[in-house]
Amino acid sequence: RTHTGQCNNKRNAYWGASNNPFVRWRAAQYENDFSTPMGWNSNRMYNGYRLPPVRQVSNDVMRTSNTQVTGDPLYSHMLVVWGQYIDHDIDFTPQSLSTSTFQGLTDCKTTCKNESPCFPMQVPSNDPRISTASCLPFFRSAAVCGTGETSTLFHKLQPREQINAVTSFVDASTVYGSTDSLNRRLRDMSNEDGLMKVNTMFKDGTWDYLPFDPNNPCVQDQFDASGVNIPCFHAGDGRVSEHLTLSAIHTIWVREHNRIARVLKAMNPHWSGEILYQEARKIVGAYHQIVHWKEYVPKIIGPEGVNMMGSYAGYDASVNPSVSNVFATAAFRFGHATIAPQFRRLDENFNDHPQFPSILLHDAFFSPWRMIRQGGMDPILRGKYVLQKNLSKHYLPVALDLASLNLQRGRDHALPLYNDWREECGFRRANNFSDLAGEIKDKALRDKLERLYGHPGNVDLWLAGLSEDLMNGSRTGPVFTCLLARQFKFLRDGDRFYYENPGVFSSQQLASLNKLSFARVLCDNSGLTKVQSDLFMLRDVNQFVDCSNIPMLDLTPWR
């Protein structure tokens, strides 16, 4: 497996590779057919109505759909964290490199005009939380070279497309990077042990931390007591320090790589550092696939979604595994409505930590110093898989800017609106909001959408997908379930190195891997001694099992 994802498919070398365009399952819908987003011209009519400003939608729907944050009755918040982590493994959309208008060099942070790459979000005059600004800044996503530009005598007009900067494959690129140059910076090449670099300044007891990123000082509101600034962590994905739980999951996998590499070296002392690295990487990549498809996906898309995905029948070279624009920009962002607003840290007895209490989520952003100076990683992990009262599900009042950003991003990427995706997934197009009663039973919500959008065919997909009632046994409605199941199927069936593809591992190795659980990975790489056997399920503490009772990975088939 290459670090860039290239040559996974021998006939289509760039399918799934990093720094390539997202694929389109339906044609882009720009107002001018090639570049300007829907809503660029605020007076433009769609089905006889103007599209509402995204900030107004966020105020009227996301802030009022449910003011009570309630807990998921079945699943721990670790399910949400894994969703974000694996999303970072398969897609990342870079922002326009320019932050000023291309003509006039006006800073996008200071203009309320739509001038590329600025697409500011207009603030309603009666906005309950903002009275000093008439808009919020928004930077368009970077375009693929040669797309979204006016046609010339020599070039055919190509609608604007966006870039996926990471590999589409579930391949642990979060650990190893999606380019060869980043990978070289992350590996420890000072010996023949096949290891990943770790932090040389701090330890988590006897455990390693991730190395620091010398090019990212990190945004933080407190310095180490010694006056030493603690930078952001360095990992295969640049979003590693976005919040502490994400940093913790990244750290677990680097520790696991190094643990496996050391066992393989003791077992095969004749192996070179390159072989040790590649074999450990191959195993960790398989781990990611096992946790994702066996433990995570069935809980998200439910039995009907799993049925849509179908059983694995081996690698299919005709399947394009590249992540789709609609998946990255709308469907897999359903998780933004499931984020807990509180960040809990627990002690060894699974009680609130006496020294490092719970904090609000925003205080956990870009703050690696909290992990290093406030108790290490274990309290953070315990806080994510223990039953808690403040978990969230649809409809959490999403941070207003996040909801607005998701809606504006969907328009920026020219995602077709709700009716087109209903049709794509086998539902009939809706002519009025009563036609949505089968998927959105809440009449008050349908009425609210009607007041905002006028016509069901105008509703932004991200909001429509969140508005749909959840399918039985799933955490998504019918349209999102359809889109997620399709993408997860393509990612699995179109990956030549998917771990179950015959020949990727020996039958003995495969049998060993299939005993693995995410819980075992945490047990092997942290100070945790008791966990749920399925980290994504909610269990009372008295139902936890000792790590000694969770099957370990037997590496003897690699001897």
Protein backbone atom coordinates (compact mmCIF):
# COMPACT_ATOMS: atom_id res chain seq x y z
CA ARG A 1 0.00 0.00 0.00
CA THR A 2 1.47 3.38 -0.98
CA HIS A 3 1.22 6.26 1.47
CA THR A 4 -0.53 8.39 -1.18
CA GLY A 5 -3.04 5.68 -2.09
CA GLN A 6 -1.81 5.68 -5.69
CA CYS A 7 -1.82 2.40 -7.64
CA ASN A 8 -4.26 0.68 -5.31
CA ASN A 9 -6.28 0.17 -8.46
CA LYS A 10 -3.89 -0.98 -11.19
CA ARG A 11 -6.05 0.31 -14.05
CA ASN A 12 -7.03 3.61 -12.43
CA ALA A 13 -3.97 4.61 -10.44
CA TYR A 14 -5.47 7.75 -8.89
CA TRP A 15 -8.71 6.26 -7.59
CA GLY A 16 -8.68 6.88 -3.85
CA ALA A 17 -5.32 8.70 -3.94
CA SER A 18 -4.64 11.83 -1.90
CA ASN A 19 -4.73 15.29 -3.47
CA ASN A 20 -7.30 14.29 -6.08
CA PRO A 21 -10.86 15.51 -6.66
CA PHE A 22 -13.81 14.20 -4.70
CA VAL A 23 -16.09 12.18 -6.96
CA ARG A 24 -19.61 13.32 -7.81
CA TRP A 25 -22.56 10.96 -7.57
CA ARG A 26 -24.78 13.69 -9.02
CA ALA A 27 -23.69 16.65 -11.14
CA ALA A 28 -22.62 19.83 -9.38
CA GLN A 29 -25.28 22.55 -9.18
CA TYR A 30 -23.75 26.01 -9.42
CA GLU A 31 -25.83 29.13 -10.05
CA ASN A 32 -23.84 29.94 -13.18
CA ASP A 33 -23.37 26.22 -13.98
CA PHE A 34 -19.63 26.17 -13.27
CA SER A 35 -18.50 28.18 -10.22
CA THR A 36 -20.81 30.42 -8.15
CA PRO A 37 -22.65 28.62 -5.32
CA MET A 38 -26.38 28.51 -4.81
CA GLY A 39 -27.23 31.57 -2.73
CA TRP A 40 -24.47 33.67 -4.32
CA ASN A 41 -27.20 35.85 -5.82
CA SER A 42 -29.59 36.33 -2.90
CA ASN A 43 -32.45 37.26 -5.25
CA ARG A 44 -32.20 34.09 -7.33
CA MET A 45 -35.40 32.05 -7.16
CA TYR A 46 -35.53 28.27 -6.67
CA ASN A 47 -38.91 26.62 -7.14
CA GLY A 48 -40.38 30.10 -6.76
CA TYR A 49 -38.57 30.95 -3.50
CA ARG A 50 -35.26 32.50 -2.43
CA LEU A 51 -32.85 30.31 -0.49
CA PRO A 52 -32.72 31.42 3.16
CA PRO A 53 -29.39 32.67 4.57
CA VAL A 54 -27.66 29.81 6.39
CA ARG A 55 -27.38 31.82 9.60
CA GLN A 56 -31.14 32.28 9.64
CA VAL A 57 -31.64 28.54 9.14
CA SER A 58 -29.24 27.83 11.97
CA ASN A 59 -31.03 30.26 14.29
CA ASP A 60 -34.52 29.05 13.46
CA VAL A 61 -33.96 25.30 13.29
CA MET A 62 -30.75 24.11 14.91
CA ARG A 63 -31.13 26.34 17.97
CA THR A 64 -34.76 25.54 18.61
CA SER A 65 -35.34 21.95 17.51
CA ASN A 66 -34.50 20.62 20.95
CA THR A 67 -33.14 22.75 23.75
CA GLN A 68 -32.67 19.73 26.01
CA VAL A 69 -29.46 17.83 25.42
CA THR A 70 -30.29 14.17 25.95
CA GLY A 71 -28.21 11.02 26.10
CA ASP A 72 -28.03 8.24 23.58
CA PRO A 73 -29.67 5.24 25.29
CA LEU A 74 -27.35 2.67 23.69
CA TYR A 75 -23.99 4.11 22.74
CA SER A 76 -21.08 5.85 24.44
CA HIS A 77 -19.54 9.07 23.22
CA MET A 78 -16.60 7.03 21.94
CA LEU A 79 -18.83 6.25 18.94
CA VAL A 80 -18.88 9.96 18.08
CA VAL A 81 -15.11 10.28 18.54
CA TRP A 82 -14.39 7.31 16.29
CA GLY A 83 -16.64 8.81 13.62
CA GLN A 84 -14.59 11.99 13.61
CA TYR A 85 -11.29 10.13 13.74
CA ILE A 86 -12.12 7.83 10.81
CA ASP A 87 -13.54 10.77 8.86
CA HIS A 88 -10.10 12.36 9.15
CA ASP A 89 -8.62 9.13 7.80
CA ILE A 90 -10.65 9.32 4.59
CA ASP A 91 -11.31 12.98 3.75
CA PHE A 92 -9.98 16.48 4.20
CA THR A 93 -10.99 19.49 2.12
CA PRO A 94 -8.35 22.24 2.03
CA GLN A 95 -9.50 25.84 2.13
CA SER A 96 -8.58 28.32 -0.57
CA LEU A 97 -4.96 29.36 -0.10
CA SER A 98 -5.98 32.97 -0.64
CA THR A 99 -7.88 34.73 2.14
CA SER A 100 -8.45 37.90 0.13
CA THR A 101 -10.56 38.67 -2.91
CA PHE A 102 -8.81 37.90 -6.17
CA GLN A 103 -9.63 41.38 -7.46
CA GLY A 104 -8.94 44.23 -5.05
CA LEU A 105 -7.26 42.11 -2.34
CA THR A 106 -10.01 42.73 0.19
CA ASP A 107 -9.59 40.55 3.29
CA CYS A 108 -12.41 37.98 3.47
CA LYS A 109 -12.68 38.70 7.19
CA THR A 110 -13.73 42.28 6.52
CA THR A 111 -16.08 42.06 3.54
CA CYS A 112 -19.75 41.12 3.38
CA LYS A 113 -19.73 40.87 -0.42
CA ASN A 114 -19.57 37.64 -2.38
CA GLU A 115 -16.22 37.98 -4.10
CA SER A 116 -14.26 34.79 -4.60
CA PRO A 117 -12.84 33.22 -2.49
CA CYS A 118 -15.05 35.08 0.03
CA PHE A 119 -18.59 33.74 0.49
CA PRO A 120 -19.63 35.45 3.76
CA MET A 121 -22.61 34.24 5.77
CA GLN A 122 -25.14 37.04 6.11
CA VAL A 123 -26.42 37.75 9.63
CA PRO A 124 -30.17 38.47 9.92
CA SER A 125 -31.07 41.90 11.28
CA ASN A 126 -32.86 40.27 14.23
CA ASP A 127 -30.08 37.79 15.07
CA PRO A 128 -30.42 37.00 18.79
CA ARG A 129 -26.68 36.61 19.38
CA ILE A 130 -24.93 38.94 16.97
CA SER A 131 -25.71 42.64 16.90
CA THR A 132 -22.35 44.11 15.89
CA ALA A 133 -21.72 42.40 12.55
CA SER A 134 -23.76 42.06 9.39
CA CYS A 135 -21.96 38.90 8.24
CA LEU A 136 -19.62 36.10 9.34
CA PRO A 137 -16.53 35.29 7.26
CA PHE A 138 -16.42 32.17 5.12
CA PHE A 139 -13.61 31.03 2.84
CA ARG A 140 -14.44 28.82 -0.11
CA SER A 141 -12.76 25.44 -0.46
CA ALA A 142 -9.78 25.24 -2.79
CA ALA A 143 -10.62 24.30 -6.37
CA VAL A 144 -8.98 21.61 -8.45
CA CYS A 145 -6.68 23.30 -10.97
CA GLY A 146 -8.47 24.11 -14.21
CA THR A 147 -11.99 23.79 -12.78
CA GLY A 148 -14.49 26.55 -12.11
CA GLU A 149 -12.84 28.88 -14.58
CA THR A 150 -14.37 30.56 -17.61
CA SER A 151 -13.85 28.66 -20.81
CA THR A 152 -11.22 29.63 -23.33
CA LEU A 153 -10.71 28.87 -26.97
CA PHE A 154 -8.56 25.88 -26.05
CA HIS A 155 -10.18 24.49 -22.89
CA LYS A 156 -13.60 23.04 -22.29
CA LEU A 157 -15.49 24.59 -19.37
CA GLN A 158 -15.12 22.40 -16.25
CA PRO A 159 -17.37 22.98 -13.22
CA ARG A 160 -15.51 23.77 -10.01
CA GLU A 161 -14.39 20.67 -8.13
CA GLN A 162 -12.93 20.30 -4.63
CA ILE A 163 -9.86 18.38 -3.47
CA ASN A 164 -9.55 15.48 -1.06
CA ALA A 165 -6.10 16.05 0.44
CA VAL A 166 -5.89 12.64 2.17
CA THR A 167 -6.31 9.08 0.91
CA SER A 168 -9.90 7.88 0.61
CA PHE A 169 -8.98 4.46 1.98
CA VAL A 170 -9.42 3.35 5.57
CA ASP A 171 -5.67 2.83 5.77
CA ALA A 172 -4.56 4.57 8.99
CA SER A 173 -3.27 7.58 7.07
CA THR A 174 -4.11 9.42 10.31
CA VAL A 175 -1.06 7.60 11.71
CA TYR A 176 1.24 7.42 8.69
CA GLY A 177 0.29 10.43 6.57
CA SER A 178 -1.06 10.72 3.03
CA THR A 179 2.17 11.87 1.39
CA ASP A 180 5.65 10.36 1.34
CA SER A 181 7.22 13.57 2.64
CA LEU A 182 4.99 13.69 5.74
CA ASN A 183 5.57 10.00 6.36
CA ARG A 184 9.33 10.51 6.38
CA ARG A 185 8.94 13.20 9.03
CA LEU A 186 6.81 10.92 11.22
CA ARG A 187 9.00 7.79 11.14
CA ASP A 188 11.94 7.15 13.43
CA MET A 189 14.68 6.45 10.92
CA SER A 190 17.50 6.58 13.47
CA ASN A 191 17.51 2.77 13.90
CA GLU A 192 16.30 -0.47 12.31
CA ASP A 193 13.34 -0.95 14.65
CA GLY A 194 10.55 0.17 12.30
CA LEU A 195 9.14 2.66 14.81
CA MET A 196 7.17 5.91 14.63
CA LYS A 197 8.61 8.99 16.31
CA VAL A 198 7.42 9.85 19.83
CA ASN A 199 7.75 12.85 22.11
CA THR A 200 11.23 13.45 23.49
CA MET A 201 10.23 16.08 26.07
CA PHE A 202 7.33 14.55 28.02
CA LYS A 203 6.05 11.13 29.11
CA ASP A 204 2.61 9.95 30.19
CA GLY A 205 3.96 7.95 33.10
CA THR A 206 5.76 5.18 31.22
CA TRP A 207 3.76 5.75 28.04
CA ASP A 208 4.78 7.83 25.04
CA TYR A 209 3.11 10.96 23.78
CA LEU A 210 2.98 11.99 20.15
CA PRO A 211 5.84 14.20 18.98
CA PHE A 212 5.30 17.94 18.73
CA ASP A 213 4.77 19.66 15.40
CA PRO A 214 7.61 22.19 15.07
CA ASN A 215 5.56 24.19 12.57
CA ASN A 216 2.40 24.49 14.67
CA PRO A 217 2.67 26.34 18.00
CA CYS A 218 -1.05 25.65 18.69
CA VAL A 219 -3.63 28.10 19.99
CA GLN A 220 -3.79 27.90 23.75
CA ASP A 221 -4.76 30.11 26.65
CA GLN A 222 -2.17 28.87 29.10
CA PHE A 223 1.53 28.13 29.06
CA ASP A 224 3.32 25.42 30.92
CA ALA A 225 4.27 26.51 34.47
CA SER A 226 7.90 26.55 33.44
CA GLY A 227 7.13 29.06 30.73
CA VAL A 228 7.68 26.45 28.01
CA ASN A 229 5.11 26.63 25.25
CA ILE A 230 3.56 23.24 24.41
CA PRO A 231 2.97 23.03 20.64
CA CYS A 232 0.38 21.01 18.77
CA PHE A 233 1.02 17.31 18.28
CA HIS A 234 2.42 15.94 15.03
CA ALA A 235 0.58 13.05 13.33
CA GLY A 236 -0.49 11.72 9.97
CA ASP A 237 -3.40 14.17 9.93
CA GLY A 238 -2.97 17.85 10.75
CA ARG A 239 -6.23 18.00 12.73
CA VAL A 240 -4.78 15.81 15.50
CA SER A 241 -4.90 18.57 18.14
CA GLU A 242 -8.41 19.75 17.29
CA HIS A 243 -9.55 18.42 20.63
CA LEU A 244 -8.10 16.22 23.36
CA THR A 245 -10.02 13.02 22.63
CA LEU A 246 -8.93 13.10 19.01
CA SER A 247 -5.33 13.53 20.20
CA ALA A 248 -5.80 10.56 22.52
CA ILE A 249 -7.01 8.23 19.74
CA HIS A 250 -4.10 9.28 17.52
CA THR A 251 -1.72 8.56 20.40
CA ILE A 252 -3.20 5.11 21.04
CA TRP A 253 -2.51 4.03 17.45
CA VAL A 254 1.09 5.28 17.39
CA ARG A 255 1.72 3.43 20.64
CA GLU A 256 0.15 0.32 19.09
CA HIS A 257 2.32 0.54 15.98
CA ASN A 258 5.44 0.72 18.11
CA ARG A 259 4.26 -2.09 20.40
CA ILE A 260 3.67 -4.39 17.42
CA ALA A 261 6.95 -3.44 15.75
CA ARG A 262 8.87 -4.34 18.92
CA VAL A 263 7.15 -7.72 19.21
CA LEU A 264 7.82 -8.46 15.54
CA LYS A 265 11.48 -7.50 15.95
CA ALA A 266 11.90 -9.87 18.89
CA MET A 267 10.15 -12.60 16.89
CA ASN A 268 12.02 -11.91 13.63
CA PRO A 269 15.41 -10.39 14.50
CA HIS A 270 16.52 -10.83 10.87
CA TRP A 271 13.88 -8.38 9.59
CA SER A 272 15.03 -4.92 8.48
CA GLY A 273 13.55 -1.74 9.90
CA GLU A 274 11.62 -1.26 6.66
CA ILE A 275 10.00 -4.69 6.88
CA LEU A 276 9.16 -4.14 10.55
CA TYR A 277 7.60 -0.78 9.77
CA GLN A 278 5.55 -2.06 6.81
CA GLU A 279 4.30 -5.18 8.61
CA ALA A 280 3.28 -3.19 11.70
CA ARG A 281 1.63 -0.59 9.46
CA LYS A 282 -0.26 -3.30 7.59
CA ILE A 283 -1.60 -4.73 10.87
CA VAL A 284 -2.59 -1.31 12.22
CA GLY A 285 -4.38 -0.57 8.93
CA ALA A 286 -6.30 -3.82 9.31
CA TYR A 287 -7.17 -2.83 12.89
CA HIS A 288 -8.72 0.38 11.61
CA GLN A 289 -10.84 -1.55 9.13
CA ILE A 290 -11.97 -4.08 11.72
CA VAL A 291 -13.00 -1.44 14.25
CA HIS A 292 -14.71 0.58 11.54
CA TRP A 293 -16.67 -2.07 9.63
CA LYS A 294 -17.28 -4.56 12.43
CA GLU A 295 -17.85 -2.33 15.47
CA TYR A 296 -18.78 1.15 14.18
CA VAL A 297 -20.65 0.96 10.85
CA PRO A 298 -23.47 -1.43 11.92
CA LYS A 299 -24.37 0.88 14.80
CA ILE A 300 -24.55 3.93 12.53
CA ILE A 301 -26.42 2.65 9.49
CA GLY A 302 -28.33 -0.16 11.24
CA PRO A 303 -29.48 -3.48 9.77
CA GLU A 304 -31.12 -1.92 6.70
CA GLY A 305 -27.97 0.02 5.89
CA VAL A 306 -25.81 -3.06 6.39
CA ASN A 307 -28.13 -4.91 4.01
CA MET A 308 -27.67 -2.10 1.43
CA MET A 309 -23.92 -2.46 1.81
CA GLY A 310 -24.10 -6.22 1.28
CA SER A 311 -21.65 -8.91 2.32
CA TYR A 312 -18.01 -8.71 1.31
CA ALA A 313 -17.35 -10.76 -1.82
CA GLY A 314 -13.73 -9.81 -2.46
CA TYR A 315 -11.98 -6.94 -4.21
CA ASP A 316 -13.80 -5.42 -7.19
CA ALA A 317 -11.49 -3.47 -9.50
CA SER A 318 -14.50 -1.79 -11.15
CA VAL A 319 -15.50 -0.02 -7.91
CA ASN A 320 -14.16 3.51 -7.43
CA PRO A 321 -13.36 3.88 -3.71
CA SER A 322 -12.77 7.65 -3.91
CA VAL A 323 -14.75 9.57 -1.31
CA SER A 324 -17.72 11.40 -2.78
CA ASN A 325 -18.32 15.10 -2.31
CA VAL A 326 -21.77 14.51 -0.84
CA PHE A 327 -20.42 12.05 1.74
CA ALA A 328 -17.64 14.36 2.94
CA THR A 329 -19.64 17.58 2.82
CA ALA A 330 -23.04 16.46 4.10
CA ALA A 331 -23.79 12.81 4.91
CA PHE A 332 -20.86 12.00 7.21
CA ARG A 333 -21.25 15.37 8.89
CA PHE A 334 -24.34 14.01 10.63
CA GLY A 335 -21.97 13.51 13.55
CA HIS A 336 -21.80 17.25 14.13
CA ALA A 337 -25.26 16.94 15.69
CA THR A 338 -24.08 14.29 18.18
CA ILE A 339 -21.26 16.11 19.96
CA ALA A 340 -21.38 16.29 23.75
CA PRO A 341 -21.02 19.87 24.99
CA GLN A 342 -19.09 18.80 28.08
CA PHE A 343 -15.65 17.24 28.23
CA ARG A 344 -15.38 14.81 31.16
CA ARG A 345 -12.26 13.46 32.83
CA LEU A 346 -12.55 10.54 35.23
CA ASP A 347 -10.26 9.00 37.84
CA GLU A 348 -9.36 5.31 38.29
CA ASN A 349 -12.74 4.67 39.99
CA PHE A 350 -14.64 6.28 37.09
CA ASN A 351 -15.66 9.27 39.19
CA ASP A 352 -15.19 12.89 38.17
CA HIS A 353 -11.50 13.60 38.49
CA PRO A 354 -10.88 15.47 41.77
CA GLN A 355 -7.92 17.43 40.41
CA PHE A 356 -8.91 17.93 36.77
CA PRO A 357 -12.68 18.47 36.58
CA SER A 358 -14.93 18.44 33.56
CA ILE A 359 -14.60 21.35 31.15
CA LEU A 360 -16.71 22.71 28.33
CA LEU A 361 -15.91 21.24 24.95
CA HIS A 362 -14.45 24.46 23.55
CA ASP A 363 -11.85 24.47 26.35
CA ALA A 364 -10.52 21.16 24.98
CA PHE A 365 -9.76 22.59 21.54
CA PHE A 366 -6.12 22.95 20.50
CA SER A 367 -4.87 22.48 24.05
CA PRO A 368 -2.33 19.62 24.22
CA TRP A 369 -1.01 21.17 27.41
CA ARG A 370 -4.14 19.91 29.18
CA MET A 371 -3.17 16.32 28.39
CA ILE A 372 0.47 16.74 29.29
CA ARG A 373 -0.01 18.83 32.44
CA GLN A 374 -3.43 17.68 33.62
CA GLY A 375 -3.30 13.99 34.31
CA GLY A 376 -2.29 12.44 31.02
CA MET A 377 -4.44 10.48 28.62
CA ASP A 378 -6.26 7.93 30.78
CA PRO A 379 -8.77 10.36 32.40
CA ILE A 380 -9.71 11.58 28.92
CA LEU A 381 -10.35 8.06 27.61
CA ARG A 382 -12.42 7.05 30.65
CA GLY A 383 -14.62 10.09 30.12
CA LYS A 384 -15.59 8.88 26.64
CA TYR A 385 -16.76 5.34 27.28
CA VAL A 386 -18.43 5.66 30.68
CA LEU A 387 -22.18 6.23 30.93
CA GLN A 388 -22.86 9.94 31.27
CA LYS A 389 -25.91 12.14 31.41
CA ASN A 390 -24.77 14.75 28.95
CA LEU A 391 -24.33 12.73 25.79
CA SER A 392 -26.17 14.09 22.81
CA LYS A 393 -28.11 12.93 19.81
CA HIS A 394 -30.30 14.63 17.19
CA TYR A 395 -31.05 17.45 17.72
CA LEU A 396 -28.30 18.89 19.80
CA PRO A 397 -28.28 22.68 19.49
CA VAL A 398 -25.15 22.60 17.39
CA ALA A 399 -22.74 25.46 17.89
CA LEU A 400 -24.34 28.00 15.63
CA ASP A 401 -21.28 28.71 13.54
CA LEU A 402 -20.74 24.99 12.91
CA ALA A 403 -24.28 24.54 11.61
CA SER A 404 -23.97 27.65 9.46
CA LEU A 405 -20.59 26.52 8.16
CA ASN A 406 -21.91 23.08 7.20
CA LEU A 407 -24.82 24.58 5.28
CA GLN A 408 -22.62 27.15 3.55
CA ARG A 409 -20.04 24.49 2.72
CA GLY A 410 -22.70 22.39 1.02
CA ARG A 411 -23.61 25.36 -1.17
CA ASP A 412 -19.93 26.16 -1.79
CA HIS A 413 -19.45 22.57 -3.03
CA ALA A 414 -22.55 22.77 -5.25
CA LEU A 415 -24.27 19.83 -3.62
CA PRO A 416 -27.67 19.26 -5.21
CA LEU A 417 -30.56 19.96 -2.83
CA TYR A 418 -32.74 17.47 -0.97
CA ASN A 419 -35.10 16.30 -3.72
CA ASP A 420 -32.24 15.18 -5.96
CA TRP A 421 -30.81 12.99 -3.21
CA ARG A 422 -34.24 11.57 -2.42
CA GLU A 423 -34.43 10.54 -6.06
CA GLU A 424 -30.87 9.18 -5.97
CA CYS A 425 -31.83 6.94 -3.05
CA GLY A 426 -35.05 5.65 -4.59
CA PHE A 427 -37.59 7.98 -2.96
CA ARG A 428 -40.03 10.04 -4.99
CA ARG A 429 -39.43 13.76 -5.30
CA ALA A 430 -41.50 15.83 -2.85
CA ASN A 431 -43.83 18.48 -4.27
CA ASN A 432 -44.88 19.83 -0.88
CA PHE A 433 -43.87 19.36 2.73
CA SER A 434 -46.73 16.92 3.39
CA ASP A 435 -44.94 14.57 1.00
CA LEU A 436 -42.12 14.37 3.58
CA ALA A 437 -44.35 13.06 6.37
CA GLY A 438 -43.03 9.53 5.88
CA GLU A 439 -39.44 10.61 6.53
CA ILE A 440 -39.99 13.66 8.80
CA LYS A 441 -42.92 12.86 11.05
CA ASP A 442 -42.57 16.01 13.18
CA LYS A 443 -45.13 18.38 11.63
CA ALA A 444 -43.80 21.37 13.58
CA LEU A 445 -40.37 20.77 12.06
CA ARG A 446 -41.84 20.37 8.57
CA ASP A 447 -43.73 23.63 9.03
CA LYS A 448 -40.56 25.38 10.13
CA LEU A 449 -38.71 24.10 7.06
CA GLU A 450 -41.58 25.28 4.88
CA ARG A 451 -41.46 28.79 6.37
CA LEU A 452 -37.73 28.96 5.67
CA TYR A 453 -37.43 27.23 2.29
CA GLY A 454 -40.90 27.42 0.73
CA HIS A 455 -40.42 24.19 -1.23
CA PRO A 456 -39.04 20.80 -0.10
CA GLY A 457 -36.79 20.71 -3.14
CA ASN A 458 -34.92 23.75 -1.78
CA VAL A 459 -33.81 22.29 1.57
CA ASP A 460 -30.06 21.97 2.06
CA LEU A 461 -29.12 18.30 2.24
CA TRP A 462 -27.24 18.43 5.55
CA LEU A 463 -30.25 19.89 7.35
CA ALA A 464 -32.74 17.63 5.56
CA GLY A 465 -30.69 14.56 6.44
CA LEU A 466 -30.62 15.53 10.12
CA SER A 467 -34.35 16.29 10.06
CA GLU A 468 -35.31 12.80 8.91
CA ASP A 469 -36.42 10.29 11.53
CA LEU A 470 -33.81 7.69 12.38
CA MET A 471 -34.21 4.29 10.76
CA ASN A 472 -34.65 1.31 13.08
CA GLY A 473 -31.38 0.37 14.73
CA SER A 474 -29.47 3.24 13.13
CA ARG A 475 -28.34 6.75 13.96
CA THR A 476 -29.30 8.24 10.58
CA GLY A 477 -32.43 8.78 8.52
CA PRO A 478 -33.23 7.11 5.18
CA VAL A 479 -31.28 9.38 2.81
CA PHE A 480 -28.13 9.60 4.93
CA THR A 481 -28.28 5.83 5.55
CA CYS A 482 -28.41 5.29 1.80
CA LEU A 483 -25.44 7.59 1.12
CA LEU A 484 -23.33 6.27 4.00
CA ALA A 485 -23.97 2.63 3.10
CA ARG A 486 -22.96 3.28 -0.50
CA GLN A 487 -19.73 5.03 0.47
CA PHE A 488 -18.75 2.42 3.05
CA LYS A 489 -19.39 -0.32 0.49
CA PHE A 490 -17.21 1.41 -2.11
CA LEU A 491 -14.43 2.03 0.41
CA ARG A 492 -14.42 -1.66 1.33
CA ASP A 493 -14.99 -3.33 -2.05
CA GLY A 494 -12.72 -0.97 -4.02
CA ASP A 495 -9.68 -1.35 -1.74
CA ARG A 496 -7.26 -3.95 -3.07
CA PHE A 497 -5.64 -4.09 0.39
CA TYR A 498 -8.84 -4.50 2.42
CA TYR A 499 -7.85 -6.93 5.13
CA GLU A 500 -10.35 -9.67 4.19
CA ASN A 501 -9.36 -9.69 0.51
CA PRO A 502 -7.86 -13.15 -0.12
CA GLY A 503 -4.08 -13.00 -0.22
CA VAL A 504 -3.69 -9.83 1.84
CA PHE A 505 -3.14 -11.88 5.02
CA SER A 506 -2.65 -15.60 5.50
CA SER A 507 -5.60 -17.55 6.88
CA GLN A 508 -3.82 -17.86 10.23
CA GLN A 509 -3.11 -14.13 10.37
CA LEU A 510 -6.70 -13.33 9.42
CA ALA A 511 -8.03 -15.59 12.18
CA SER A 512 -5.81 -13.78 14.66
CA LEU A 513 -6.91 -10.34 13.46
CA ASN A 514 -10.59 -11.20 13.63
CA LYS A 515 -10.32 -11.65 17.40
CA LEU A 516 -9.34 -8.01 17.75
CA SER A 517 -11.51 -5.31 19.36
CA PHE A 518 -11.02 -1.60 19.88
CA ALA A 519 -11.17 -2.31 23.61
CA ARG A 520 -8.06 -4.48 23.35
CA VAL A 521 -6.14 -1.69 21.62
CA LEU A 522 -6.89 0.66 24.52
CA CYS A 523 -5.97 -2.00 27.07
CA ASP A 524 -2.60 -2.57 25.39
CA ASN A 525 -1.68 1.09 25.08
CA SER A 526 -2.93 2.93 28.15
CA GLY A 527 -3.23 2.59 31.90
CA LEU A 528 -6.83 1.38 31.64
CA THR A 529 -7.48 -1.95 33.33
CA LYS A 530 -11.28 -2.27 32.97
CA VAL A 531 -13.39 -1.39 29.92
CA GLN A 532 -16.52 -2.43 28.08
CA SER A 533 -15.82 -5.33 25.73
CA ASP A 534 -17.42 -3.10 23.06
CA LEU A 535 -16.21 0.45 23.68
CA PHE A 536 -19.06 1.92 21.64
CA MET A 537 -21.79 0.40 23.83
CA LEU A 538 -23.08 1.99 27.03
CA ARG A 539 -22.50 -0.13 30.12
CA ASP A 540 -22.59 0.54 33.83
CA VAL A 541 -19.19 0.43 35.47
CA ASN A 542 -20.09 -2.79 37.26
CA GLN A 543 -20.48 -4.42 33.84
CA PHE A 544 -16.95 -3.58 32.73
CA VAL A 545 -14.54 -6.43 32.17
CA ASP A 546 -10.89 -6.75 33.11
CA CYS A 547 -8.50 -6.22 30.25
CA SER A 548 -7.10 -9.68 30.99
CA ASN A 549 -10.40 -11.15 29.79
CA ILE A 550 -10.32 -9.42 26.39
CA PRO A 551 -8.62 -11.47 23.65
CA MET A 552 -5.16 -10.29 22.66
CA LEU A 553 -3.65 -10.24 19.20
CA ASP A 554 -1.60 -13.39 18.66
CA LEU A 555 1.36 -12.37 16.50
CA THR A 556 2.85 -15.86 16.15
CA PRO A 557 1.39 -16.21 12.59
CA TRP A 558 3.84 -13.44 11.64
CA ARG A 559 6.86 -15.42 12.83
